[in-house]
Amino acid sequence: MKNPWIFPAAALAIGAVGGYISGKNTSTDSGGNPSTSGKTVLRTRSSSRSDNPAAEQSGKHSNRPTGTEEISRMPGNSGRIKALMEFYENLTPDQLAEEARKLDSLPMNERIMASILLFGRWAEKDPTAAMAYSNSIGFTGMFVRPTILQSWASVDPANAANYYASNPREFAMMGMMGGGRGPMGGGQSGASIIASEWARQDPAAAMAWANSLTTTNDKNHAMESVIGEVAKTDPQKAVAMLAAMDSTDKGDAYRSVAAQYGAANFSEAQAWIRTLPADDQAAALASAIGGLSNKDPQAAAKQVGLMEAGDAKNGVITSVVEDLARMDPKAAAVFLKQQDSEKAQRDAMRQLMPTWVAQDPSAALAYANSYEAGDVRDSALQSYVFSNNSVAPAELLKVAETITDEGDRSRSVGIAAARWMREDATAAKAYIQQATSIPEDAKTRIIEGRSMFGGGGRGQRGGNTPAAPAAPAGGTN
């Protein structure tokens, strides 16, 4: 491959969507337990399908696109996705391998989606070949492997589990990179991916497999994933399944169940949380409130007011502000200003301001300026500048210049100036060249049209730059 065409920002999407086109088959013994016979991975049912292209394409309509180049020229993104699914559906494993080599020619956004669909389908037809291909493309292979593993597990979890156990080094990086809870593949380790897919088909078999794992992290992640999957439809059953876990390893599982339980029946969830070890109750309650917030953010906001101060409360404030802001930004703003933690206020501003700015930028700016100079106001103003697409860049620069933290101010001014360059390069260059709040190297990048994010942190405090929209966070799940 010429360049790594899947990067960490896309890893969550790849892992999360990898099983989108997958079927529902399992491979267990007569007692419902995972099959582990054989020293090597068994050839899966999905890979034993006909390799005869003529047979597989016998029912294909003559007017369907015949290749990715033709599909890429089709109008309508949804139509292109559907056409890709249909195109990959009728290819043999060898043909899928050939198509994988063509992905470099697609634009990045199309390349990501095509890779999800291609490797997901390939994993259904010949997963070992798809895995072998992922191992042949170096660093890039890390970012398609979660898709392959998830799609494989969705049709044949036992053999996916066998392969995972036999080739642990191929999946080691899943626990070292990515967003959310840490591992790649939508915030999941390889064991979690398999366990989640297996639990959708046969929770008892999935739990038996998870319990059989000898690596502590894999075992904990897998059991938590099984229990979390069950909790989506039956929180009480998930609570009963917690008994199978070691008491010292239940913290994440408590939070996973609490999030689903809180969404389904908050009163019952509260009663259950009061039975947990004292050290786990605050975090579990925060997760339950986060689950409630997805359904009723106003009710969740009232529950936050009853929580004791601490990290658990600070963490759920951001979730509630995000959900409440979608319904009523002013109510979210009032709720946020009632909080005592400046850290929670600063973090939640990144959720409140973009939503409010899109609806009423003047009101959002007035709210940001109602705070005294400091971290919270800086966070609000920086989010205002980053998310405001309706105000002229020259006006955004005036706002950015009032940010007190040097690092935040420099980054915000730079972003506004870069936007100005697209609208009026002459005026923007004149401003940039005389600006004292923009470092010289950043001035050059802006004028040359290169990325503002060339590296570095957030001035004195580090890491407070608002990020691009991400996948739904797993902090309260």
Protein backbone atom coordinates (compact mmCIF):
# COMPACT_ATOMS: atom_id res chain seq x y z
CA MET A 1 0.00 0.00 0.00
CA LYS A 2 1.33 3.43 -0.82
CA ASN A 3 0.08 5.24 2.28
CA PRO A 4 -1.76 4.33 5.45
CA TRP A 5 -5.31 4.95 4.29
CA ILE A 6 -7.05 4.18 7.56
CA PHE A 7 -5.93 6.28 10.48
CA PRO A 8 -6.82 6.39 14.18
CA ALA A 9 -9.63 8.91 13.67
CA ALA A 10 -11.40 6.32 11.50
CA ALA A 11 -10.66 3.32 13.70
CA LEU A 12 -13.78 3.76 15.81
CA ALA A 13 -16.03 3.88 12.78
CA ILE A 14 -14.40 0.82 11.26
CA GLY A 15 -14.71 -1.26 14.40
CA ALA A 16 -18.22 -0.13 15.15
CA VAL A 17 -19.65 -0.64 11.66
CA GLY A 18 -17.64 -3.70 10.70
CA GLY A 19 -20.48 -6.10 11.45
CA TYR A 20 -23.15 -4.03 9.70
CA ILE A 21 -23.68 -6.46 6.83
CA SER A 22 -23.05 -9.61 8.83
CA GLY A 23 -25.35 -12.54 9.41
CA LYS A 24 -26.16 -14.52 12.55
CA ASN A 25 -24.65 -18.01 12.79
CA THR A 26 -22.85 -19.70 15.67
CA SER A 27 -20.55 -22.62 16.17
CA THR A 28 -21.10 -24.35 19.53
CA ASP A 29 -21.26 -27.87 20.81
CA SER A 30 -24.45 -29.66 21.81
CA GLY A 31 -24.30 -28.20 25.30
CA GLY A 32 -24.16 -24.63 24.05
CA ASN A 33 -20.48 -24.21 24.90
CA PRO A 34 -17.87 -22.79 22.54
CA SER A 35 -16.09 -25.31 20.36
CA THR A 36 -12.33 -25.39 20.85
CA SER A 37 -11.39 -28.63 19.09
CA GLY A 38 -8.48 -28.70 16.69
CA LYS A 39 -5.06 -27.06 16.78
CA THR A 40 -5.80 -24.71 13.92
CA VAL A 41 -8.73 -22.59 12.98
CA LEU A 42 -11.47 -24.55 11.25
CA ARG A 43 -12.53 -23.52 7.80
CA THR A 44 -15.68 -21.52 8.43
CA ARG A 45 -19.07 -22.11 6.91
CA SER A 46 -18.93 -18.70 5.30
CA SER A 47 -15.67 -19.49 3.56
CA SER A 48 -17.03 -22.71 2.05
CA ARG A 49 -19.38 -20.89 -0.28
CA SER A 50 -19.00 -21.26 -3.98
CA ASP A 51 -15.93 -19.65 -5.49
CA ASN A 52 -17.56 -19.72 -8.92
CA PRO A 53 -18.10 -16.11 -9.98
CA ALA A 54 -20.65 -17.11 -12.58
CA ALA A 55 -22.72 -19.01 -10.05
CA GLU A 56 -22.55 -16.22 -7.48
CA GLN A 57 -23.49 -13.58 -10.02
CA SER A 58 -26.16 -15.57 -11.82
CA GLY A 59 -28.93 -13.48 -10.29
CA LYS A 60 -27.18 -10.17 -10.75
CA HIS A 61 -29.09 -7.50 -12.62
CA SER A 62 -27.41 -6.37 -15.79
CA ASN A 63 -27.77 -2.71 -14.90
CA ARG A 64 -25.84 -2.95 -11.64
CA PRO A 65 -22.47 -1.20 -11.47
CA THR A 66 -19.56 -3.43 -12.42
CA GLY A 67 -16.80 -1.85 -10.35
CA THR A 68 -15.85 0.68 -7.69
CA GLU A 69 -14.91 3.34 -10.25
CA GLU A 70 -18.39 3.27 -11.73
CA ILE A 71 -19.95 3.26 -8.26
CA SER A 72 -17.87 6.27 -7.17
CA ARG A 73 -19.42 8.29 -10.00
CA MET A 74 -23.00 7.50 -8.96
CA PRO A 75 -25.09 10.35 -7.53
CA GLY A 76 -26.26 9.97 -3.95
CA ASN A 77 -24.08 8.71 -1.12
CA SER A 78 -26.68 6.23 0.16
CA GLY A 79 -26.98 4.78 -3.33
CA ARG A 80 -23.22 4.37 -3.54
CA ILE A 81 -23.11 2.54 -0.22
CA LYS A 82 -25.90 0.20 -1.31
CA ALA A 83 -24.19 -0.39 -4.65
CA LEU A 84 -20.89 -1.21 -2.92
CA MET A 85 -22.65 -3.71 -0.65
CA GLU A 86 -24.26 -5.40 -3.65
CA PHE A 87 -21.02 -5.35 -5.63
CA TYR A 88 -18.93 -6.90 -2.84
CA GLU A 89 -21.70 -9.41 -2.11
CA ASN A 90 -21.12 -11.12 -5.45
CA LEU A 91 -17.32 -11.27 -5.45
CA THR A 92 -15.19 -14.30 -4.68
CA PRO A 93 -12.48 -14.04 -2.01
CA ASP A 94 -9.84 -13.64 -4.73
CA GLN A 95 -11.83 -10.84 -6.32
CA LEU A 96 -12.25 -9.14 -2.94
CA ALA A 97 -8.48 -9.25 -2.51
CA GLU A 98 -8.09 -7.56 -5.88
CA GLU A 99 -10.61 -4.87 -4.90
CA ALA A 100 -8.75 -4.26 -1.64
CA ARG A 101 -5.68 -3.34 -3.65
CA LYS A 102 -7.71 -0.68 -5.48
CA LEU A 103 -8.78 1.19 -2.34
CA ASP A 104 -5.80 3.55 -2.59
CA SER A 105 -7.36 5.18 -5.64
CA LEU A 106 -10.47 6.34 -3.75
CA PRO A 107 -10.79 9.65 -1.88
CA MET A 108 -10.27 9.24 1.86
CA ASN A 109 -13.92 9.44 2.92
CA GLU A 110 -14.99 6.92 0.27
CA ARG A 111 -11.99 4.73 1.04
CA ILE A 112 -12.98 4.39 4.70
CA MET A 113 -16.54 3.32 3.97
CA ALA A 114 -15.49 1.02 1.13
CA SER A 115 -12.95 -0.68 3.39
CA ILE A 116 -15.58 -1.28 6.07
CA LEU A 117 -17.90 -2.94 3.57
CA LEU A 118 -15.18 -4.83 1.70
CA PHE A 119 -13.36 -6.30 4.68
CA GLY A 120 -16.64 -6.99 6.44
CA ARG A 121 -17.83 -9.02 3.47
CA TRP A 122 -14.46 -10.70 2.94
CA ALA A 123 -14.48 -11.82 6.59
CA GLU A 124 -17.80 -13.55 6.00
CA LYS A 125 -16.53 -15.41 2.92
CA ASP A 126 -12.93 -16.22 3.82
CA PRO A 127 -11.87 -14.66 7.14
CA THR A 128 -8.44 -16.29 7.31
CA ALA A 129 -7.55 -14.88 3.89
CA ALA A 130 -8.81 -11.45 4.94
CA MET A 131 -6.68 -11.65 8.08
CA ALA A 132 -3.67 -12.73 6.06
CA TYR A 133 -4.14 -9.74 3.77
CA SER A 134 -4.38 -7.38 6.75
CA ASN A 135 -1.04 -8.76 7.94
CA SER A 136 0.55 -7.98 4.58
CA ILE A 137 -0.18 -4.24 4.56
CA GLY A 138 1.85 -3.22 7.60
CA PHE A 139 0.65 -0.49 9.93
CA THR A 140 -2.56 -0.06 7.96
CA GLY A 141 -3.61 -3.59 8.81
CA MET A 142 -4.22 -2.62 12.44
CA PHE A 143 -7.13 -0.48 11.41
CA VAL A 144 -8.95 -3.06 9.29
CA ARG A 145 -8.41 -5.98 11.66
CA PRO A 146 -11.24 -4.97 14.03
CA THR A 147 -13.65 -4.94 11.09
CA ILE A 148 -12.53 -8.40 9.99
CA LEU A 149 -12.71 -9.81 13.50
CA GLN A 150 -16.15 -8.36 14.19
CA SER A 151 -17.66 -9.51 10.91
CA TRP A 152 -16.14 -12.97 11.35
CA ALA A 153 -17.46 -13.23 14.91
CA SER A 154 -20.92 -12.15 13.77
CA VAL A 155 -21.27 -15.27 11.60
CA ASP A 156 -18.93 -17.77 13.28
CA PRO A 157 -17.80 -16.62 16.75
CA ALA A 158 -16.26 -19.94 17.81
CA ASN A 159 -13.78 -20.00 14.95
CA ALA A 160 -13.08 -16.29 15.33
CA ALA A 161 -12.30 -17.04 18.97
CA ASN A 162 -10.01 -19.92 17.98
CA TYR A 163 -8.11 -17.67 15.60
CA TYR A 164 -7.84 -14.94 18.21
CA ALA A 165 -6.43 -17.40 20.74
CA SER A 166 -3.95 -18.84 18.24
CA ASN A 167 -2.69 -15.46 16.97
CA PRO A 168 -2.69 -13.07 19.94
CA ARG A 169 0.09 -10.87 18.63
CA GLU A 170 -1.98 -9.88 15.61
CA PHE A 171 -4.45 -8.15 17.95
CA ALA A 172 -2.07 -6.77 20.58
CA MET A 173 -2.35 -3.17 19.34
CA MET A 174 -6.11 -3.17 19.85
CA GLY A 175 -5.44 -2.65 23.53
CA MET A 176 -2.91 0.13 23.03
CA MET A 177 -4.51 2.63 20.66
CA GLY A 178 -7.83 4.28 19.98
CA GLY A 179 -10.27 6.56 21.76
CA GLY A 180 -12.99 6.10 24.34
CA ARG A 181 -12.13 3.32 26.73
CA GLY A 182 -8.75 2.65 25.15
CA PRO A 183 -8.70 -0.27 22.72
CA MET A 184 -9.29 0.11 19.03
CA GLY A 185 -12.37 -1.20 17.28
CA GLY A 186 -14.98 1.12 18.74
CA GLY A 187 -13.34 1.20 22.16
CA GLN A 188 -13.12 -2.61 22.33
CA SER A 189 -10.35 -5.15 22.62
CA GLY A 190 -10.36 -8.19 20.35
CA ALA A 191 -11.88 -10.30 23.10
CA SER A 192 -14.61 -7.71 23.62
CA ILE A 193 -15.46 -7.67 19.91
CA ILE A 194 -15.88 -11.43 19.81
CA ALA A 195 -17.79 -11.53 23.08
CA SER A 196 -20.22 -8.81 22.03
CA GLU A 197 -21.04 -10.48 18.74
CA TRP A 198 -21.32 -13.92 20.35
CA ALA A 199 -23.59 -12.59 23.10
CA ARG A 200 -26.06 -11.35 20.48
CA GLN A 201 -26.43 -14.92 19.28
CA ASP A 202 -25.89 -17.08 22.36
CA PRO A 203 -25.14 -15.27 25.65
CA ALA A 204 -24.53 -18.51 27.58
CA ALA A 205 -21.94 -19.74 25.09
CA ALA A 206 -20.33 -16.31 24.97
CA MET A 207 -20.08 -16.18 28.75
CA ALA A 208 -18.61 -19.68 28.87
CA TRP A 209 -15.94 -18.66 26.37
CA ALA A 210 -15.20 -15.42 28.21
CA ASN A 211 -14.85 -17.30 31.48
CA SER A 212 -12.41 -19.73 29.86
CA LEU A 213 -9.91 -17.02 28.86
CA THR A 214 -6.63 -17.16 30.75
CA THR A 215 -5.46 -13.59 30.17
CA THR A 216 -6.92 -11.40 32.90
CA ASN A 217 -7.58 -8.35 30.71
CA ASP A 218 -9.17 -10.42 27.94
CA LYS A 219 -11.33 -12.27 30.44
CA ASN A 220 -12.52 -9.11 32.14
CA HIS A 221 -13.20 -7.26 28.89
CA ALA A 222 -15.00 -10.22 27.35
CA MET A 223 -17.20 -10.89 30.37
CA GLU A 224 -18.03 -7.21 30.66
CA SER A 225 -19.00 -7.12 26.97
CA VAL A 226 -21.27 -10.14 27.30
CA ILE A 227 -22.98 -8.72 30.38
CA GLY A 228 -23.26 -5.29 28.78
CA GLU A 229 -24.86 -6.77 25.68
CA VAL A 230 -27.40 -8.68 27.77
CA ALA A 231 -28.12 -5.54 29.79
CA LYS A 232 -29.40 -3.79 26.67
CA THR A 233 -32.46 -6.02 26.64
CA ASP A 234 -32.62 -7.50 30.15
CA PRO A 235 -30.79 -5.53 32.86
CA GLN A 236 -32.00 -7.86 35.62
CA LYS A 237 -30.54 -10.87 33.83
CA ALA A 238 -27.28 -8.97 33.38
CA VAL A 239 -27.20 -8.25 37.12
CA ALA A 240 -27.53 -11.97 37.80
CA MET A 241 -24.67 -12.71 35.40
CA LEU A 242 -22.35 -10.44 37.37
CA ALA A 243 -22.05 -13.19 39.96
CA ALA A 244 -19.77 -15.08 37.56
CA MET A 245 -17.13 -12.35 37.70
CA ASP A 246 -14.43 -11.96 40.32
CA SER A 247 -15.45 -9.30 42.82
CA THR A 248 -12.28 -7.27 42.25
CA ASP A 249 -12.93 -7.00 38.50
CA LYS A 250 -16.55 -5.85 38.43
CA GLY A 251 -16.14 -2.07 38.34
CA ASP A 252 -16.42 -1.64 34.56
CA ALA A 253 -19.19 -4.23 34.38
CA TYR A 254 -21.16 -2.41 37.08
CA ARG A 255 -20.96 0.77 35.05
CA SER A 256 -21.93 -0.97 31.83
CA VAL A 257 -25.01 -2.54 33.40
CA ALA A 258 -25.90 0.65 35.25
CA ALA A 259 -25.96 2.68 32.03
CA GLN A 260 -28.46 0.30 30.42
CA TYR A 261 -30.44 -0.16 33.63
CA GLY A 262 -30.66 3.59 34.17
CA ALA A 263 -32.14 4.05 30.71
CA ALA A 264 -34.64 1.22 31.18
CA ASN A 265 -35.79 1.82 34.76
CA PHE A 266 -33.90 4.39 36.76
CA SER A 267 -35.68 3.67 40.06
CA GLU A 268 -34.79 -0.03 39.87
CA ALA A 269 -31.25 0.88 38.87
CA GLN A 270 -30.89 3.10 41.92
CA ALA A 271 -32.10 0.34 44.21
CA TRP A 272 -29.61 -2.11 42.71
CA ILE A 273 -26.73 0.38 42.89
CA ARG A 274 -27.31 0.78 46.63
CA THR A 275 -26.46 -2.93 47.01
CA LEU A 276 -23.04 -2.56 45.38
CA PRO A 277 -19.77 -2.13 47.26
CA ALA A 278 -19.50 1.43 48.56
CA ASP A 279 -16.46 2.23 46.41
CA ASP A 280 -18.36 1.36 43.21
CA GLN A 281 -21.63 3.14 43.90
CA ALA A 282 -20.73 6.67 42.78
CA ALA A 283 -19.38 5.60 39.39
CA ALA A 284 -22.29 3.23 38.81
CA LEU A 285 -24.79 5.96 39.72
CA ALA A 286 -23.10 8.34 37.28
CA SER A 287 -23.43 5.72 34.54
CA ALA A 288 -27.10 5.16 35.40
CA ILE A 289 -27.72 8.91 35.21
CA GLY A 290 -25.90 8.97 31.89
CA GLY A 291 -28.25 6.25 30.63
CA LEU A 292 -31.26 8.18 31.92
CA SER A 293 -29.95 11.32 30.21
CA ASN A 294 -30.24 9.65 26.81
CA LYS A 295 -34.00 9.41 27.37
CA ASP A 296 -34.78 12.29 29.72
CA PRO A 297 -31.94 14.79 30.22
CA GLN A 298 -34.08 17.05 32.41
CA ALA A 299 -34.70 14.21 34.86
CA ALA A 300 -31.00 13.35 34.70
CA ALA A 301 -30.07 16.94 35.53
CA LYS A 302 -32.17 16.73 38.71
CA GLN A 303 -30.39 13.51 39.69
CA VAL A 304 -26.99 15.13 39.19
CA GLY A 305 -28.01 17.74 41.72
CA LEU A 306 -28.39 14.98 44.31
CA MET A 307 -24.92 13.53 43.75
CA GLU A 308 -21.96 14.13 46.01
CA ALA A 309 -19.14 16.21 44.57
CA GLY A 310 -16.33 14.24 42.94
CA ASP A 311 -15.00 12.77 39.73
CA ALA A 312 -18.10 10.67 39.10
CA LYS A 313 -20.35 13.71 39.23
CA ASN A 314 -17.99 15.78 37.11
CA GLY A 315 -17.93 13.10 34.44
CA VAL A 316 -21.69 12.79 34.06
CA ILE A 317 -22.25 16.56 33.96
CA THR A 318 -20.77 16.67 30.46
CA SER A 319 -23.11 13.92 29.25
CA VAL A 320 -26.17 15.63 30.68
CA VAL A 321 -25.19 19.01 29.23
CA GLU A 322 -24.70 17.43 25.81
CA ASP A 323 -28.11 15.73 25.86
CA LEU A 324 -29.93 18.70 27.39
CA ALA A 325 -28.39 21.17 24.94
CA ARG A 326 -29.97 19.33 22.03
CA MET A 327 -33.39 20.02 23.55
CA ASP A 328 -32.85 23.41 25.18
CA PRO A 329 -29.41 25.08 25.15
CA LYS A 330 -30.54 27.78 27.58
CA ALA A 331 -31.64 25.17 30.12
CA ALA A 332 -28.32 23.37 29.65
CA ALA A 333 -26.49 26.66 30.23
CA VAL A 334 -28.41 27.33 33.43
CA PHE A 335 -27.71 23.79 34.65
CA LEU A 336 -24.01 24.11 33.85
CA LYS A 337 -23.65 27.41 35.68
CA GLN A 338 -25.12 25.79 38.80
CA GLN A 339 -22.23 23.34 39.00
CA ASP A 340 -19.44 23.94 41.49
CA SER A 341 -16.63 22.23 39.60
CA GLU A 342 -14.71 24.47 37.21
CA LYS A 343 -13.27 21.38 35.53
CA ALA A 344 -16.77 20.07 34.81
CA GLN A 345 -17.84 23.47 33.51
CA ARG A 346 -14.79 23.76 31.28
CA ASP A 347 -15.21 20.28 29.83
CA ALA A 348 -18.97 20.63 29.31
CA MET A 349 -18.56 23.92 27.44
CA ARG A 350 -17.27 21.91 24.49
CA GLN A 351 -20.64 20.15 24.31
CA LEU A 352 -22.87 23.14 25.04
CA MET A 353 -21.35 25.87 22.90
CA PRO A 354 -21.39 24.21 19.43
CA THR A 355 -25.08 23.33 19.80
CA TRP A 356 -26.03 26.77 21.10
CA VAL A 357 -23.87 28.60 18.55
CA ALA A 358 -25.69 26.82 15.75
CA GLN A 359 -29.03 28.11 17.10
CA ASP A 360 -28.24 31.51 18.59
CA PRO A 361 -24.58 32.62 18.41
CA SER A 362 -25.27 35.99 20.07
CA ALA A 363 -26.83 34.35 23.13
CA ALA A 364 -24.01 31.80 23.28
CA LEU A 365 -21.37 34.55 23.21
CA ALA A 366 -23.15 36.55 25.89
CA TYR A 367 -23.25 33.46 28.08
CA ALA A 368 -19.53 32.78 27.57
CA ASN A 369 -18.70 36.36 28.51
CA SER A 370 -20.83 36.13 31.65
CA TYR A 371 -18.02 34.10 33.23
CA GLU A 372 -15.04 35.78 34.81
CA ALA A 373 -11.73 35.58 32.99
CA GLY A 374 -10.20 32.15 33.45
CA ASP A 375 -10.36 28.54 32.37
CA VAL A 376 -14.14 28.25 32.02
CA ARG A 377 -14.54 31.40 29.96
CA ASP A 378 -11.54 30.46 27.82
CA SER A 379 -13.06 27.07 27.07
CA ALA A 380 -16.41 28.65 26.17
CA LEU A 381 -14.88 31.27 23.89
CA GLN A 382 -12.58 28.81 22.20
CA SER A 383 -15.51 26.49 21.49
CA TYR A 384 -17.47 29.50 20.20
CA VAL A 385 -14.72 30.37 17.73
CA PHE A 386 -14.19 26.80 16.59
CA SER A 387 -17.89 26.06 16.01
CA ASN A 388 -19.14 29.37 14.61
CA ASN A 389 -19.66 29.23 10.85
CA SER A 390 -22.09 32.15 10.59
CA VAL A 391 -20.00 35.07 11.84
CA ALA A 392 -17.33 36.74 9.72
CA PRO A 393 -13.81 35.55 10.59
CA ALA A 394 -12.75 39.12 11.37
CA GLU A 395 -15.40 39.21 14.11
CA LEU A 396 -14.30 35.83 15.44
CA LEU A 397 -10.77 37.18 15.72
CA LYS A 398 -11.99 39.90 18.06
CA VAL A 399 -13.46 37.22 20.30
CA ALA A 400 -10.38 35.02 20.10
CA GLU A 401 -8.12 37.89 21.13
CA THR A 402 -9.94 38.14 24.48
CA ILE A 403 -9.00 34.60 25.54
CA THR A 404 -6.61 34.83 28.46
CA ASP A 405 -4.62 31.60 28.14
CA GLU A 406 -1.80 32.11 25.64
CA GLY A 407 -2.05 28.66 24.10
CA ASP A 408 -5.83 28.77 23.72
CA ARG A 409 -5.72 32.30 22.35
CA SER A 410 -3.04 31.46 19.80
CA ARG A 411 -4.89 28.42 18.54
CA SER A 412 -8.25 30.21 18.34
CA VAL A 413 -6.79 33.23 16.57
CA GLY A 414 -5.05 30.92 14.15
CA ILE A 415 -8.24 29.05 13.30
CA ALA A 416 -10.17 32.27 12.70
CA ALA A 417 -7.34 33.68 10.61
CA ALA A 418 -7.16 30.51 8.52
CA ARG A 419 -10.88 30.85 7.76
CA TRP A 420 -10.35 34.49 6.82
CA MET A 421 -7.66 33.41 4.37
CA ARG A 422 -10.29 31.48 2.41
CA GLU A 423 -12.58 34.49 2.19
CA ASP A 424 -10.19 37.42 1.81
CA ALA A 425 -6.57 36.35 1.55
CA THR A 426 -5.20 39.89 1.22
CA ALA A 427 -6.87 41.23 4.35
CA ALA A 428 -6.13 38.03 6.27
CA LYS A 429 -2.42 38.07 5.38
CA ALA A 430 -2.13 41.66 6.53
CA TYR A 431 -3.67 40.74 9.87
CA ILE A 432 -1.65 37.56 10.30
CA GLN A 433 1.69 39.19 9.55
CA GLN A 434 1.23 41.81 12.27
CA ALA A 435 -0.51 39.58 14.83
CA THR A 436 1.47 39.10 18.05
CA SER A 437 -0.74 36.24 19.26
CA ILE A 438 0.21 33.85 16.44
CA PRO A 439 3.62 32.08 16.57
CA GLU A 440 5.78 32.59 13.51
CA ASP A 441 5.64 28.94 12.43
CA ALA A 442 1.84 29.01 12.68
CA LYS A 443 1.73 32.18 10.58
CA THR A 444 3.60 30.38 7.83
CA ARG A 445 1.29 27.37 7.98
CA ILE A 446 -1.82 29.54 7.79
CA ILE A 447 -0.60 31.66 4.90
CA GLU A 448 0.51 28.56 2.98
CA GLY A 449 -2.83 26.88 3.63
CA ARG A 450 -1.40 24.05 5.72
CA SER A 451 -2.96 22.53 8.83
CA MET A 452 -3.01 24.59 12.02
CA PHE A 453 -2.56 21.38 13.99
CA GLY A 454 1.06 20.74 13.29
CA GLY A 455 1.69 19.40 16.77
CA GLY A 456 2.18 20.63 20.27
CA GLY A 457 -0.13 20.96 23.21
CA ARG A 458 -2.20 23.68 24.72
CA GLY A 459 0.32 26.21 25.95
CA GLN A 460 0.79 26.06 29.69
CA ARG A 461 -1.98 23.60 30.45
CA GLY A 462 -1.99 21.29 27.45
CA GLY A 463 -4.63 19.49 25.48
CA ASN A 464 -7.74 21.68 25.58
CA THR A 465 -8.27 22.16 21.87
CA PRO A 466 -11.82 21.20 20.85
CA ALA A 467 -11.71 18.11 18.72
CA ALA A 468 -13.62 17.14 15.64
CA PRO A 469 -16.91 15.33 16.34
CA ALA A 470 -16.24 11.82 17.59
CA ALA A 471 -18.14 8.62 18.07
CA PRO A 472 -20.46 8.47 21.06
CA ALA A 473 -18.40 8.34 24.17
CA GLY A 474 -18.35 5.25 26.27
CA GLY A 475 -17.67 6.89 29.60
CA THR A 476 -21.13 6.26 30.97
CA ASN A 477 -21.84 3.04 29.17
